[in-house]
Amino acid sequence: MNRSTLRDTLKGALVGLAVFGTIAFVQALRSGAPFPQVLQPIGVVAVIGLTVGALAGPLLGQALRRRRGG
Protein backbone atom coordinates (compact mmCIF):
# COMPACT_ATOMS: atom_id res chain seq x y z
CA MET A 1 0.00 0.00 0.00
CA ASN A 2 1.48 3.32 -0.96
CA ARG A 3 1.58 6.39 1.26
CA SER A 4 -1.18 8.32 -0.50
CA THR A 5 -3.62 5.40 -0.18
CA LEU A 6 -2.80 4.97 3.48
CA ARG A 7 -3.16 8.70 4.11
CA ASP A 8 -6.51 8.79 2.27
CA THR A 9 -7.72 5.75 4.22
CA LEU A 10 -6.85 7.33 7.56
CA LYS A 11 -8.37 10.69 6.61
CA GLY A 12 -11.55 9.02 5.39
CA ALA A 13 -11.83 6.91 8.52
CA LEU A 14 -11.46 9.93 10.79
CA VAL A 15 -13.92 12.03 8.80
CA GLY A 16 -16.46 9.18 8.69
CA LEU A 17 -16.07 8.56 12.41
CA ALA A 18 -16.51 12.25 13.19
CA VAL A 19 -19.51 12.77 10.92
CA PHE A 20 -21.44 9.62 11.80
CA GLY A 21 -20.52 9.84 15.48
CA THR A 22 -21.57 13.47 15.72
CA ILE A 23 -24.89 12.83 14.00
CA ALA A 24 -25.59 9.84 16.26
CA PHE A 25 -24.65 11.84 19.36
CA VAL A 26 -26.90 14.78 18.40
CA GLN A 27 -29.80 12.46 17.63
CA ALA A 28 -29.29 10.71 20.98
CA LEU A 29 -29.40 14.04 22.79
CA ARG A 30 -32.55 15.04 20.92
CA SER A 31 -34.27 11.77 21.83
CA GLY A 32 -34.13 12.57 25.53
CA ALA A 33 -33.16 9.01 26.45
CA PRO A 34 -30.72 8.41 29.31
CA PHE A 35 -27.14 8.51 28.06
CA PRO A 36 -26.19 4.94 29.15
CA GLN A 37 -29.04 3.60 27.01
CA VAL A 38 -27.86 5.36 23.86
CA LEU A 39 -24.14 4.82 24.31
CA GLN A 40 -24.07 1.50 22.46
CA PRO A 41 -26.05 2.76 19.42
CA ILE A 42 -23.75 5.79 19.20
CA GLY A 43 -20.76 3.45 19.21
CA VAL A 44 -22.26 1.21 16.54
CA VAL A 45 -23.03 4.14 14.25
CA ALA A 46 -19.56 5.58 14.85
CA VAL A 47 -17.94 2.27 13.85
CA ILE A 48 -20.10 2.18 10.72
CA GLY A 49 -18.90 5.69 9.90
CA LEU A 50 -15.30 4.65 10.48
CA THR A 51 -15.72 1.72 8.09
CA VAL A 52 -17.52 3.70 5.40
CA GLY A 53 -14.94 6.48 5.62
CA ALA A 54 -12.03 4.06 5.43
CA LEU A 55 -13.51 2.45 2.32
CA ALA A 56 -14.51 5.70 0.61
CA GLY A 57 -11.38 7.68 1.52
CA PRO A 58 -9.00 6.13 -1.03
CA LEU A 59 -11.63 6.32 -3.78
CA LEU A 60 -12.31 9.99 -3.15
CA GLY A 61 -8.64 10.81 -2.69
CA GLN A 62 -7.69 9.22 -5.99
CA ALA A 63 -10.57 10.92 -7.80
CA LEU A 64 -9.55 14.31 -6.41
CA ARG A 65 -5.91 13.79 -7.40
CA ARG A 66 -6.95 12.83 -10.93
CA ARG A 67 -9.20 15.87 -11.19
CA ARG A 68 -6.39 18.18 -10.03
CA GLY A 69 -3.98 16.49 -12.39
CA GLY A 70 -1.49 15.45 -9.74
PDB file of N, CA and C in Angstrom:
ATOM      1  N   MET A   1       0.854  -1.175   0.000  1.00  0.00           N
ATOM      2  CA  MET A   1       0.000   0.000   0.000  1.00  0.00           C
ATOM      3  C   MET A   1       0.898   1.235   0.000  1.00  0.00           C
ATOM      4  N   ASN A   2       0.639   2.140  -0.919  1.00  0.00           N
ATOM      5  CA  ASN A   2       1.481   3.324  -0.965  1.00  0.00           C
ATOM      6  C   ASN A   2       1.020   4.375   0.052  1.00  0.00           C
ATOM      7  N   ARG A   3       1.843   5.382   0.226  1.00  0.00           N
ATOM      8  CA  ARG A   3       1.576   6.394   1.258  1.00  0.00           C
ATOM      9  C   ARG A   3       0.291   7.174   1.028  1.00  0.00           C
ATOM     10  N   SER A   4       0.019   7.521  -0.231  1.00  0.00           N
ATOM     11  CA  SER A   4      -1.176   8.318  -0.498  1.00  0.00           C
ATOM     12  C   SER A   4      -2.450   7.521  -0.199  1.00  0.00           C
ATOM     13  N   THR A   5      -2.456   6.238  -0.487  1.00  0.00           N
ATOM     14  CA  THR A   5      -3.619   5.404  -0.185  1.00  0.00           C
ATOM     15  C   THR A   5      -3.806   5.274   1.313  1.00  0.00           C
ATOM     16  N   LEU A   6      -2.719   5.063   2.026  1.00  0.00           N
ATOM     17  CA  LEU A   6      -2.804   4.965   3.484  1.00  0.00           C
ATOM     18  C   LEU A   6      -3.292   6.275   4.088  1.00  0.00           C
ATOM     19  N   ARG A   7      -2.754   7.387   3.603  1.00  0.00           N
ATOM     20  CA  ARG A   7      -3.164   8.701   4.107  1.00  0.00           C
ATOM     21  C   ARG A   7      -4.651   8.942   3.828  1.00  0.00           C
ATOM     22  N   ASP A   8      -5.103   8.613   2.615  1.00  0.00           N
ATOM     23  CA  ASP A   8      -6.509   8.793   2.268  1.00  0.00           C
ATOM     24  C   ASP A   8      -7.414   7.891   3.107  1.00  0.00           C
ATOM     25  N   THR A   9      -6.947   6.677   3.394  1.00  0.00           N
ATOM     26  CA  THR A   9      -7.719   5.752   4.217  1.00  0.00           C
ATOM     27  C   THR A   9      -7.877   6.302   5.629  1.00  0.00           C
ATOM     28  N   LEU A  10      -6.790   6.782   6.202  1.00  0.00           N
ATOM     29  CA  LEU A  10      -6.854   7.328   7.561  1.00  0.00           C
ATOM     30  C   LEU A  10      -7.706   8.592   7.629  1.00  0.00           C
ATOM     31  N   LYS A  11      -7.549   9.471   6.649  1.00  0.00           N
ATOM     32  CA  LYS A  11      -8.371  10.688   6.612  1.00  0.00           C
ATOM     33  C   LYS A  11      -9.843  10.331   6.481  1.00  0.00           C
ATOM     34  N   GLY A  12     -10.156   9.430   5.579  1.00  0.00           N
ATOM     35  CA  GLY A  12     -11.545   9.020   5.386  1.00  0.00           C
ATOM     36  C   GLY A  12     -12.137   8.393   6.625  1.00  0.00           C
ATOM     37  N   ALA A  13     -11.348   7.554   7.299  1.00  0.00           N
ATOM     38  CA  ALA A  13     -11.829   6.907   8.515  1.00  0.00           C
ATOM     39  C   ALA A  13     -12.128   7.938   9.597  1.00  0.00           C
ATOM     40  N   LEU A  14     -11.244   8.903   9.762  1.00  0.00           N
ATOM     41  CA  LEU A  14     -11.457   9.930  10.785  1.00  0.00           C
ATOM     42  C   LEU A  14     -12.648  10.816  10.453  1.00  0.00           C
ATOM     43  N   VAL A  15     -12.786  11.192   9.197  1.00  0.00           N
ATOM     44  CA  VAL A  15     -13.922  12.032   8.804  1.00  0.00           C
ATOM     45  C   VAL A  15     -15.229  11.256   8.971  1.00  0.00           C
ATOM     46  N   GLY A  16     -15.253  10.007   8.525  1.00  0.00           N
ATOM     47  CA  GLY A  16     -16.459   9.184   8.687  1.00  0.00           C
ATOM     48  C   GLY A  16     -16.829   8.989  10.140  1.00  0.00           C
ATOM     49  N   LEU A  17     -15.842   8.721  10.970  1.00  0.00           N
ATOM     50  CA  LEU A  17     -16.074   8.565  12.407  1.00  0.00           C
ATOM     51  C   LEU A  17     -16.646   9.842  12.992  1.00  0.00           C
ATOM     52  N   ALA A  18     -16.059  10.966  12.636  1.00  0.00           N
ATOM     53  CA  ALA A  18     -16.511  12.249  13.185  1.00  0.00           C
ATOM     54  C   ALA A  18     -17.929  12.584  12.730  1.00  0.00           C
ATOM     55  N   VAL A  19     -18.189  12.411  11.446  1.00  0.00           N
ATOM     56  CA  VAL A  19     -19.511  12.772  10.916  1.00  0.00           C
ATOM     57  C   VAL A  19     -20.594  11.856  11.473  1.00  0.00           C
ATOM     58  N   PHE A  20     -20.419  10.559  11.331  1.00  0.00           N
ATOM     59  CA  PHE A  20     -21.444   9.623  11.798  1.00  0.00           C
ATOM     60  C   PHE A  20     -21.582   9.675  13.317  1.00  0.00           C
ATOM     61  N   GLY A  21     -20.473   9.768  14.016  1.00  0.00           N
ATOM     62  CA  GLY A  21     -20.521   9.845  15.479  1.00  0.00           C
ATOM     63  C   GLY A  21     -21.213  11.092  15.970  1.00  0.00           C
ATOM     64  N   THR A  22     -20.934  12.219  15.328  1.00  0.00           N
ATOM     65  CA  THR A  22     -21.570  13.474  15.716  1.00  0.00           C
ATOM     66  C   THR A  22     -23.075  13.427  15.466  1.00  0.00           C
ATOM     67  N   ILE A  23     -23.457  12.924  14.314  1.00  0.00           N
ATOM     68  CA  ILE A  23     -24.886  12.826  13.999  1.00  0.00           C
ATOM     69  C   ILE A  23     -25.584  11.908  14.996  1.00  0.00           C
ATOM     70  N   ALA A  24     -24.985  10.774  15.303  1.00  0.00           N
ATOM     71  CA  ALA A  24     -25.586   9.840  16.258  1.00  0.00           C
ATOM     72  C   ALA A  24     -25.684  10.473  17.641  1.00  0.00           C
ATOM     73  N   PHE A  25     -24.656  11.208  18.041  1.00  0.00           N
ATOM     74  CA  PHE A  25     -24.654  11.844  19.357  1.00  0.00           C
ATOM     75  C   PHE A  25     -25.746  12.910  19.444  1.00  0.00           C
ATOM     76  N   VAL A  26     -25.870  13.724  18.412  1.00  0.00           N
ATOM     77  CA  VAL A  26     -26.899  14.776  18.402  1.00  0.00           C
ATOM     78  C   VAL A  26     -28.295  14.156  18.421  1.00  0.00           C
ATOM     79  N   GLN A  27     -28.502  13.121  17.645  1.00  0.00           N
ATOM     80  CA  GLN A  27     -29.797  12.460  17.633  1.00  0.00           C
ATOM     81  C   GLN A  27     -30.100  11.830  18.989  1.00  0.00           C
ATOM     82  N   ALA A  28     -29.085  11.294  19.651  1.00  0.00           N
ATOM     83  CA  ALA A  28     -29.288  10.707  20.976  1.00  0.00           C
ATOM     84  C   ALA A  28     -29.672  11.790  21.983  1.00  0.00           C
ATOM     85  N   LEU A  29     -29.037  12.940  21.894  1.00  0.00           N
ATOM     86  CA  LEU A  29     -29.398  14.045  22.793  1.00  0.00           C
ATOM     87  C   LEU A  29     -30.826  14.512  22.535  1.00  0.00           C
ATOM     88  N   ARG A  30     -31.199  14.584  21.273  1.00  0.00           N
ATOM     89  CA  ARG A  30     -32.549  15.035  20.919  1.00  0.00           C
ATOM     90  C   ARG A  30     -33.617  14.043  21.350  1.00  0.00           C
ATOM     91  N   SER A  31     -33.271  12.773  21.468  1.00  0.00           N
ATOM     92  CA  SER A  31     -34.266  11.766  21.834  1.00  0.00           C
ATOM     93  C   SER A  31     -34.687  11.877  23.292  1.00  0.00           C
ATOM     94  N   GLY A  32     -33.805  12.427  24.115  1.00  0.00           N
ATOM     95  CA  GLY A  32     -34.131  12.574  25.533  1.00  0.00           C
ATOM     96  C   GLY A  32     -33.925  11.304  26.346  1.00  0.00           C
ATOM     97  N   ALA A  33     -33.397  10.263  25.742  1.00  0.00           N
ATOM     98  CA  ALA A  33     -33.161   9.008  26.454  1.00  0.00           C
ATOM     99  C   ALA A  33     -31.946   9.156  27.365  1.00  0.00           C
ATOM    100  N   PRO A  34     -31.897   8.380  28.435  1.00  0.00           N
ATOM    101  CA  PRO A  34     -30.719   8.413  29.306  1.00  0.00           C
ATOM    102  C   PRO A  34     -29.459   8.024  28.528  1.00  0.00           C
ATOM    103  N   PHE A  35     -28.367   8.704  28.825  1.00  0.00           N
ATOM    104  CA  PHE A  35     -27.135   8.506  28.063  1.00  0.00           C
ATOM    105  C   PHE A  35     -26.645   7.061  28.067  1.00  0.00           C
ATOM    106  N   PRO A  36     -26.666   6.341  29.203  1.00  0.00           N
ATOM    107  CA  PRO A  36     -26.190   4.942  29.148  1.00  0.00           C
ATOM    108  C   PRO A  36     -26.970   4.067  28.161  1.00  0.00           C
ATOM    109  N   GLN A  37     -28.242   4.392  27.946  1.00  0.00           N
ATOM    110  CA  GLN A  37     -29.042   3.601  27.005  1.00  0.00           C
ATOM    111  C   GLN A  37     -28.658   3.854  25.549  1.00  0.00           C
ATOM    112  N   VAL A  38     -28.174   5.034  25.251  1.00  0.00           N
ATOM    113  CA  VAL A  38     -27.861   5.364  23.857  1.00  0.00           C
ATOM    114  C   VAL A  38     -26.376   5.253  23.546  1.00  0.00           C
ATOM    115  N   LEU A  39     -25.580   4.908  24.517  1.00  0.00           N
ATOM    116  CA  LEU A  39     -24.137   4.821  24.310  1.00  0.00           C
ATOM    117  C   LEU A  39     -23.772   3.744  23.293  1.00  0.00           C
ATOM    118  N   GLN A  40     -24.379   2.573  23.400  1.00  0.00           N
ATOM    119  CA  GLN A  40     -24.068   1.499  22.458  1.00  0.00           C
ATOM    120  C   GLN A  40     -24.493   1.851  21.025  1.00  0.00           C
ATOM    121  N   PRO A  41     -25.706   2.367  20.796  1.00  0.00           N
ATOM    122  CA  PRO A  41     -26.054   2.756  19.420  1.00  0.00           C
ATOM    123  C   PRO A  41     -25.133   3.835  18.850  1.00  0.00           C
ATOM    124  N   ILE A  42     -24.698   4.774  19.673  1.00  0.00           N
ATOM    125  CA  ILE A  42     -23.755   5.789  19.205  1.00  0.00           C
ATOM    126  C   ILE A  42     -22.463   5.117  18.760  1.00  0.00           C
ATOM    127  N   GLY A  43     -21.985   4.178  19.554  1.00  0.00           N
ATOM    128  CA  GLY A  43     -20.760   3.454  19.210  1.00  0.00           C
ATOM    129  C   GLY A  43     -20.891   2.656  17.930  1.00  0.00           C
ATOM    130  N   VAL A  44     -22.032   2.009  17.748  1.00  0.00           N
ATOM    131  CA  VAL A  44     -22.256   1.209  16.542  1.00  0.00           C
ATOM    132  C   VAL A  44     -22.259   2.108  15.305  1.00  0.00           C
ATOM    133  N   VAL A  45     -22.968   3.220  15.383  1.00  0.00           N
ATOM    134  CA  VAL A  45     -23.034   4.138  14.247  1.00  0.00           C
ATOM    135  C   VAL A  45     -21.654   4.738  13.975  1.00  0.00           C
ATOM    136  N   ALA A  46     -20.902   5.033  15.025  1.00  0.00           N
ATOM    137  CA  ALA A  46     -19.557   5.575  14.849  1.00  0.00           C
ATOM    138  C   ALA A  46     -18.643   4.566  14.146  1.00  0.00           C
ATOM    139  N   VAL A  47     -18.749   3.303  14.504  1.00  0.00           N
ATOM    140  CA  VAL A  47     -17.939   2.266  13.849  1.00  0.00           C
ATOM    141  C   VAL A  47     -18.352   2.109  12.381  1.00  0.00           C
ATOM    142  N   ILE A  48     -19.645   2.215  12.110  1.00  0.00           N
ATOM    143  CA  ILE A  48     -20.102   2.177  10.720  1.00  0.00           C
ATOM    144  C   ILE A  48     -19.498   3.343   9.944  1.00  0.00           C
ATOM    145  N   GLY A  49     -19.494   4.529  10.543  1.00  0.00           N
ATOM    146  CA  GLY A  49     -18.896   5.692   9.898  1.00  0.00           C
ATOM    147  C   GLY A  49     -17.415   5.509   9.656  1.00  0.00           C
ATOM    148  N   LEU A  50     -16.727   4.930  10.617  1.00  0.00           N
ATOM    149  CA  LEU A  50     -15.302   4.651  10.480  1.00  0.00           C
ATOM    150  C   LEU A  50     -15.059   3.727   9.288  1.00  0.00           C
ATOM    151  N   THR A  51     -15.871   2.686   9.178  1.00  0.00           N
ATOM    152  CA  THR A  51     -15.721   1.720   8.092  1.00  0.00           C
ATOM    153  C   THR A  51     -16.030   2.339   6.737  1.00  0.00           C
ATOM    154  N   VAL A  52     -17.141   3.064   6.665  1.00  0.00           N
ATOM    155  CA  VAL A  52     -17.521   3.703   5.402  1.00  0.00           C
ATOM    156  C   VAL A  52     -16.447   4.707   4.979  1.00  0.00           C
ATOM    157  N   GLY A  53     -15.971   5.495   5.928  1.00  0.00           N
ATOM    158  CA  GLY A  53     -14.936   6.483   5.619  1.00  0.00           C
ATOM    159  C   GLY A  53     -13.642   5.839   5.165  1.00  0.00           C
ATOM    160  N   ALA A  54     -13.264   4.743   5.812  1.00  0.00           N
ATOM    161  CA  ALA A  54     -12.027   4.061   5.432  1.00  0.00           C
ATOM    162  C   ALA A  54     -12.129   3.442   4.042  1.00  0.00           C
ATOM    163  N   LEU A  55     -13.326   3.020   3.661  1.00  0.00           N
ATOM    164  CA  LEU A  55     -13.510   2.453   2.321  1.00  0.00           C
ATOM    165  C   LEU A  55     -13.630   3.536   1.256  1.00  0.00           C
ATOM    166  N   ALA A  56     -14.285   4.629   1.587  1.00  0.00           N
ATOM    167  CA  ALA A  56     -14.508   5.695   0.606  1.00  0.00           C
ATOM    168  C   ALA A  56     -13.313   6.635   0.483  1.00  0.00           C
ATOM    169  N   GLY A  57     -12.504   6.751   1.522  1.00  0.00           N
ATOM    170  CA  GLY A  57     -11.379   7.685   1.520  1.00  0.00           C
ATOM    171  C   GLY A  57     -10.428   7.513   0.348  1.00  0.00           C
ATOM    172  N   PRO A  58      -9.918   6.316   0.101  1.00  0.00           N
ATOM    173  CA  PRO A  58      -9.000   6.134  -1.033  1.00  0.00           C
ATOM    174  C   PRO A  58      -9.658   6.412  -2.387  1.00  0.00           C
ATOM    175  N   LEU A  59     -10.935   6.058  -2.513  1.00  0.00           N
ATOM    176  CA  LEU A  59     -11.633   6.323  -3.776  1.00  0.00           C
ATOM    177  C   LEU A  59     -11.765   7.816  -4.023  1.00  0.00           C
ATOM    178  N   LEU A  60     -12.168   8.545  -3.004  1.00  0.00           N
ATOM    179  CA  LEU A  60     -12.313   9.993  -3.152  1.00  0.00           C
ATOM    180  C   LEU A  60     -10.963  10.676  -3.324  1.00  0.00           C
ATOM    181  N   GLY A  61      -9.971  10.218  -2.579  1.00  0.00           N
ATOM    182  CA  GLY A  61      -8.640  10.806  -2.693  1.00  0.00           C
ATOM    183  C   GLY A  61      -8.057  10.646  -4.080  1.00  0.00           C
ATOM    184  N   GLN A  62      -8.201   9.463  -4.642  1.00  0.00           N
ATOM    185  CA  GLN A  62      -7.690   9.217  -5.987  1.00  0.00           C
ATOM    186  C   GLN A  62      -8.457  10.038  -7.019  1.00  0.00           C
ATOM    187  N   ALA A  63      -9.771  10.131  -6.860  1.00  0.00           N
ATOM    188  CA  ALA A  63     -10.571  10.923  -7.797  1.00  0.00           C
ATOM    189  C   ALA A  63     -10.181  12.394  -7.737  1.00  0.00           C
ATOM    190  N   LEU A  64      -9.953  12.913  -6.544  1.00  0.00           N
ATOM    191  CA  LEU A  64      -9.552  14.314  -6.407  1.00  0.00           C
ATOM    192  C   LEU A  64      -8.168  14.559  -7.006  1.00  0.00           C
ATOM    193  N   ARG A  65      -7.248  13.631  -6.811  1.00  0.00           N
ATOM    194  CA  ARG A  65      -5.908  13.787  -7.396  1.00  0.00           C
ATOM    195  C   ARG A  65      -5.971  13.759  -8.917  1.00  0.00           C
ATOM    196  N   ARG A  66      -6.805  12.883  -9.466  1.00  0.00           N
ATOM    197  CA  ARG A  66      -6.953  12.832 -10.930  1.00  0.00           C
ATOM    198  C   ARG A  66      -7.555  14.126 -11.457  1.00  0.00           C
ATOM    199  N   ARG A  67      -8.529  14.640 -10.745  1.00  0.00           N
ATOM    200  CA  ARG A  67      -9.202  15.870 -11.186  1.00  0.00           C
ATOM    201  C   ARG A  67      -8.244  17.065 -11.157  1.00  0.00           C
ATOM    202  N   ARG A  68      -7.373  17.095 -10.136  1.00  0.00           N
ATOM    203  CA  ARG A  68      -6.391  18.179 -10.031  1.00  0.00           C
ATOM    204  C   ARG A  68      -5.214  17.970 -10.972  1.00  0.00           C
ATOM    205  N   GLY A  69      -5.080  16.772 -11.481  1.00  0.00           N
ATOM    206  CA  GLY A  69      -3.977  16.486 -12.392  1.00  0.00           C
ATOM    207  C   GLY A  69      -2.678  16.153 -11.696  1.00  0.00           C
ATOM    208  N   GLY A  70      -2.734  15.742 -10.453  1.00  0.00           N
ATOM    209  CA  GLY A  70      -1.492  15.453  -9.743  1.00  0.00           C
ATOM    210  C   GLY A  70      -1.586  14.196  -9.044  1.00  0.00           C
TER     211      GLY A  70
END
